[in-house]
Amino acid sequence: MAVVLVSGGLDSMISAASAKAAGYRVLALSVDYNQRHKVELAAAARVAEALGAERHIVLPLDLSAFGGSALTADIDVPKDGVQPGIPVTYVPARNTIFLSLALGWAEAAGARDLFIGVNALDYSGYPDCRPEFIAGFESLAEIATKAGVEGQPFKIHAPLQHMTKADIVREGTRLGVDMGLSWSCYDPTPEGLHCGECDSCRLRSKGFEEAGIPDPTAYAVKPQG
């Protein structure tokens, strides 16, 4: 049994599918952090159902009270292409917070495996997507929990860590998942389309194009590289 972070995005969907394919019973965890793109929670529900999750918790935790990100505050989402550095769409300590929540559920449920869909190649430069973050959190989990100090350590799985976005799309195809169920856009249009201009849309589109696999996504504007 594994607790799997399911945001509704493409990466978290393929991470969850990897857990399922590896034989884990899936406990799906999504966080309603009052994100700008709350539509992703509907995608998370679709993904959890499609993958046969035994339970799907959508946990409310309003990170807009802190702000500090274009996803949680009144800050424009950048639409001028993927740039060097950490973009304003970074949500302060988001993956640390989310993994902490997943760790709490895992310990309570008796699970010792957690899955997260972070990626350190084709991504937006977030510090909490790097391999050293995953390794550091795993070490923290061992000393921060009753299970850990009693000799039952936790394993943090990041199956997409070293994949390009094209690799991730190919893996989704190999696993036979419907990638059209997922949602990536940070700034959805009023009509419910992917904007096609934010970093996340550009990276998603690039992945399908480079993988040579048809993109099922409805974009308001055709993404540029």
Protein backbone atom coordinates (compact mmCIF):
# COMPACT_ATOMS: atom_id res chain seq x y z
CA MET A 1 0.00 0.00 0.00
CA ALA A 2 1.28 3.47 -0.87
CA VAL A 3 0.13 7.04 -0.34
CA VAL A 4 0.34 8.80 -3.70
CA LEU A 5 0.22 12.56 -4.14
CA VAL A 6 -2.25 13.21 -6.97
CA SER A 7 -2.52 16.84 -8.01
CA GLY A 8 -4.40 16.14 -11.22
CA GLY A 9 -1.37 17.02 -13.34
CA LEU A 10 0.27 14.82 -15.93
CA ASP A 11 3.32 14.00 -13.83
CA SER A 12 1.36 13.02 -10.74
CA MET A 13 -0.93 10.87 -12.90
CA ILE A 14 1.99 8.90 -14.35
CA SER A 15 3.58 8.62 -10.89
CA ALA A 16 0.32 7.16 -9.55
CA ALA A 17 0.06 4.80 -12.52
CA SER A 18 3.63 3.66 -11.79
CA ALA A 19 2.65 2.84 -8.22
CA LYS A 20 -0.35 0.88 -9.44
CA ALA A 21 1.73 -1.00 -12.02
CA ALA A 22 4.27 -1.89 -9.31
CA GLY A 23 1.50 -3.65 -7.41
CA TYR A 24 0.78 -1.08 -4.71
CA ARG A 25 -2.71 -0.45 -3.41
CA VAL A 26 -3.16 3.28 -3.91
CA LEU A 27 -4.28 5.81 -1.33
CA ALA A 28 -4.58 9.07 -3.31
CA LEU A 29 -4.00 12.42 -1.61
CA SER A 30 -4.83 15.78 -3.19
CA VAL A 31 -4.57 19.17 -1.50
CA ASP A 32 -7.06 21.97 -2.05
CA TYR A 33 -4.69 24.83 -1.25
CA ASN A 34 -6.93 27.48 -2.85
CA GLN A 35 -4.78 27.34 -5.96
CA ARG A 36 -5.58 29.52 -8.94
CA HIS A 37 -6.03 26.39 -11.08
CA LYS A 38 -8.44 24.63 -8.72
CA VAL A 39 -9.85 22.85 -11.77
CA GLU A 40 -6.95 20.41 -11.30
CA LEU A 41 -8.82 18.90 -8.33
CA ALA A 42 -11.54 17.64 -10.66
CA ALA A 43 -8.78 16.08 -12.74
CA ALA A 44 -7.33 14.51 -9.59
CA ALA A 45 -10.68 12.89 -8.87
CA ARG A 46 -10.81 11.52 -12.43
CA VAL A 47 -7.29 10.16 -12.14
CA ALA A 48 -7.89 8.54 -8.74
CA GLU A 49 -11.03 6.84 -10.04
CA ALA A 50 -9.39 5.69 -13.27
CA LEU A 51 -6.51 4.12 -11.36
CA GLY A 52 -8.75 2.40 -8.87
CA ALA A 53 -7.51 4.21 -5.76
CA GLU A 54 -8.87 2.57 -2.60
CA ARG A 55 -9.46 6.00 -1.12
CA HIS A 56 -9.06 9.58 -2.34
CA ILE A 57 -8.74 12.36 0.19
CA VAL A 58 -8.93 16.01 -0.92
CA LEU A 59 -7.50 17.86 2.05
CA PRO A 60 -8.32 21.58 2.46
CA LEU A 61 -5.29 23.71 3.37
CA ASP A 62 -5.58 27.33 2.27
CA LEU A 63 -2.06 28.41 1.31
CA SER A 64 -3.43 31.65 -0.12
CA ALA A 65 -3.31 32.86 3.49
CA PHE A 66 0.46 32.91 3.05
CA GLY A 67 0.53 34.04 -0.60
CA GLY A 68 3.96 34.48 -2.14
CA SER A 69 3.14 32.76 -5.43
CA ALA A 70 1.27 33.45 -8.65
CA LEU A 71 -0.74 30.32 -7.86
CA THR A 72 -1.95 31.55 -4.45
CA ALA A 73 -1.91 35.36 -4.66
CA ASP A 74 -2.93 38.19 -6.98
CA ILE A 75 0.21 37.88 -9.10
CA ASP A 76 0.14 37.36 -12.85
CA VAL A 77 1.18 33.96 -14.17
CA PRO A 78 4.20 34.48 -16.48
CA LYS A 79 3.48 33.74 -20.12
CA ASP A 80 6.72 34.66 -21.85
CA GLY A 81 8.25 31.19 -21.98
CA VAL A 82 10.25 29.07 -19.57
CA GLN A 83 13.02 31.28 -18.15
CA PRO A 84 16.12 30.52 -16.04
CA GLY A 85 15.75 30.76 -12.28
CA ILE A 86 12.87 30.00 -9.93
CA PRO A 87 9.62 31.43 -11.34
CA VAL A 88 6.90 33.26 -9.43
CA THR A 89 4.67 30.18 -9.82
CA TYR A 90 6.80 28.50 -7.15
CA VAL A 91 4.62 27.97 -4.06
CA PRO A 92 6.77 28.34 -0.91
CA ALA A 93 7.69 24.90 0.49
CA ARG A 94 4.75 23.26 -1.33
CA ASN A 95 6.24 19.80 -1.80
CA THR A 96 7.61 19.81 1.75
CA ILE A 97 4.10 20.56 3.02
CA PHE A 98 2.45 18.00 0.74
CA LEU A 99 4.91 15.23 1.55
CA SER A 100 4.48 15.95 5.26
CA LEU A 101 0.74 15.45 4.88
CA ALA A 102 1.29 12.26 2.87
CA LEU A 103 3.72 11.03 5.52
CA GLY A 104 1.14 11.58 8.25
CA TRP A 105 -1.49 9.60 6.38
CA ALA A 106 1.00 6.86 5.50
CA GLU A 107 2.01 6.37 9.13
CA ALA A 108 -1.61 6.34 10.26
CA ALA A 109 -2.58 3.85 7.54
CA GLY A 110 0.40 1.57 8.05
CA ALA A 111 1.90 2.37 4.65
CA ARG A 112 5.64 2.84 4.30
CA ASP A 113 5.79 3.98 0.68
CA LEU A 114 4.99 7.44 -0.71
CA PHE A 115 4.90 8.47 -4.38
CA ILE A 116 5.38 11.98 -5.74
CA GLY A 117 5.55 13.04 -9.38
CA VAL A 118 8.48 15.46 -9.19
CA ASN A 119 10.83 15.83 -12.14
CA ALA A 120 14.24 17.48 -12.33
CA LEU A 121 14.78 17.68 -16.11
CA ASP A 122 11.92 19.28 -18.07
CA TYR A 123 10.45 21.38 -15.25
CA SER A 124 10.18 24.97 -14.04
CA GLY A 125 13.21 25.06 -11.76
CA TYR A 126 11.47 24.52 -8.42
CA PRO A 127 13.97 23.60 -5.67
CA ASP A 128 11.60 21.02 -4.16
CA CYS A 129 11.71 18.88 -7.30
CA ARG A 130 15.40 17.99 -7.03
CA PRO A 131 16.81 14.57 -6.06
CA GLU A 132 18.53 16.05 -2.99
CA PHE A 133 15.15 17.25 -1.70
CA ILE A 134 13.65 13.78 -2.02
CA ALA A 135 16.66 12.19 -0.30
CA GLY A 136 16.56 14.82 2.45
CA PHE A 137 12.86 14.32 3.12
CA GLU A 138 13.29 10.56 3.28
CA SER A 139 15.98 11.02 5.93
CA LEU A 140 13.73 13.42 7.81
CA ALA A 141 10.85 10.93 7.76
CA GLU A 142 13.03 8.34 9.47
CA ILE A 143 13.76 10.56 12.47
CA ALA A 144 10.43 12.41 12.59
CA THR A 145 8.03 9.48 12.96
CA LYS A 146 7.27 6.72 15.46
CA ALA A 147 7.52 4.18 12.66
CA GLY A 148 10.91 5.50 11.61
CA VAL A 149 12.50 5.41 15.05
CA GLU A 150 11.10 1.92 15.59
CA GLY A 151 12.93 0.63 12.52
CA GLN A 152 10.19 0.93 9.90
CA PRO A 153 11.58 3.60 7.56
CA PHE A 154 9.62 5.23 4.78
CA LYS A 155 10.55 5.15 1.10
CA ILE A 156 9.85 8.23 -1.03
CA HIS A 157 9.38 7.13 -4.64
CA ALA A 158 9.93 9.71 -7.38
CA PRO A 159 9.65 7.50 -10.48
CA LEU A 160 9.79 10.43 -12.92
CA GLN A 161 12.74 12.16 -11.26
CA HIS A 162 15.18 11.78 -14.14
CA MET A 163 12.76 11.65 -17.08
CA THR A 164 12.26 14.30 -19.72
CA LYS A 165 8.67 15.35 -20.33
CA ALA A 166 8.76 13.29 -23.54
CA ASP A 167 9.88 10.27 -21.51
CA ILE A 168 6.96 10.85 -19.14
CA VAL A 169 4.48 10.95 -22.03
CA ARG A 170 5.96 7.74 -23.44
CA GLU A 171 5.70 6.12 -20.01
CA GLY A 172 2.04 7.13 -19.79
CA THR A 173 1.45 5.51 -23.16
CA ARG A 174 3.28 2.35 -22.05
CA LEU A 175 1.15 2.17 -18.90
CA GLY A 176 -2.00 2.60 -20.97
CA VAL A 177 -3.40 5.61 -19.10
CA ASP A 178 -5.68 8.25 -20.60
CA MET A 179 -3.49 11.33 -20.29
CA GLY A 180 -6.40 13.50 -21.40
CA LEU A 181 -7.84 13.06 -17.90
CA SER A 182 -5.00 15.15 -16.44
CA TRP A 183 -4.74 18.93 -16.10
CA SER A 184 -1.55 21.02 -16.29
CA CYS A 185 -2.44 24.68 -16.92
CA TYR A 186 -1.72 27.28 -14.22
CA ASP A 187 -4.13 29.86 -15.64
CA PRO A 188 -7.25 28.23 -17.13
CA THR A 189 -9.43 30.27 -19.47
CA PRO A 190 -13.04 31.09 -18.51
CA GLU A 191 -14.08 28.48 -21.09
CA GLY A 192 -12.16 25.80 -19.23
CA LEU A 193 -9.27 25.45 -21.65
CA HIS A 194 -5.56 25.19 -21.03
CA CYS A 195 -4.20 28.68 -21.71
CA GLY A 196 -1.35 27.37 -23.86
CA GLU A 197 1.01 30.12 -22.71
CA CYS A 198 2.09 29.36 -19.13
CA ASP A 199 5.21 27.33 -18.39
CA SER A 200 3.20 24.25 -17.51
CA CYS A 201 1.26 24.29 -20.79
CA ARG A 202 4.45 24.79 -22.79
CA LEU A 203 6.22 21.91 -21.06
CA ARG A 204 3.20 19.62 -21.47
CA SER A 205 2.87 20.39 -25.18
CA LYS A 206 6.63 20.00 -25.69
CA GLY A 207 6.51 16.56 -24.10
CA PHE A 208 3.82 15.24 -26.43
CA GLU A 209 5.47 16.81 -29.47
CA GLU A 210 8.92 15.38 -28.70
CA ALA A 211 7.44 11.97 -27.86
CA GLY A 212 5.63 11.94 -31.21
CA ILE A 213 2.34 11.17 -29.46
CA PRO A 214 -0.89 13.11 -30.16
CA ASP A 215 -1.64 15.69 -27.48
CA PRO A 216 -5.22 15.27 -26.16
CA THR A 217 -5.17 18.72 -24.53
CA ALA A 218 -7.52 21.54 -25.56
CA TYR A 219 -5.46 24.77 -25.61
CA ALA A 220 -6.81 28.29 -26.08
CA VAL A 221 -3.55 29.23 -27.81
CA LYS A 222 -1.14 26.80 -29.46
CA PRO A 223 1.87 26.54 -27.11
CA GLN A 224 5.24 27.69 -28.38
CA GLY A 225 8.53 26.10 -27.39
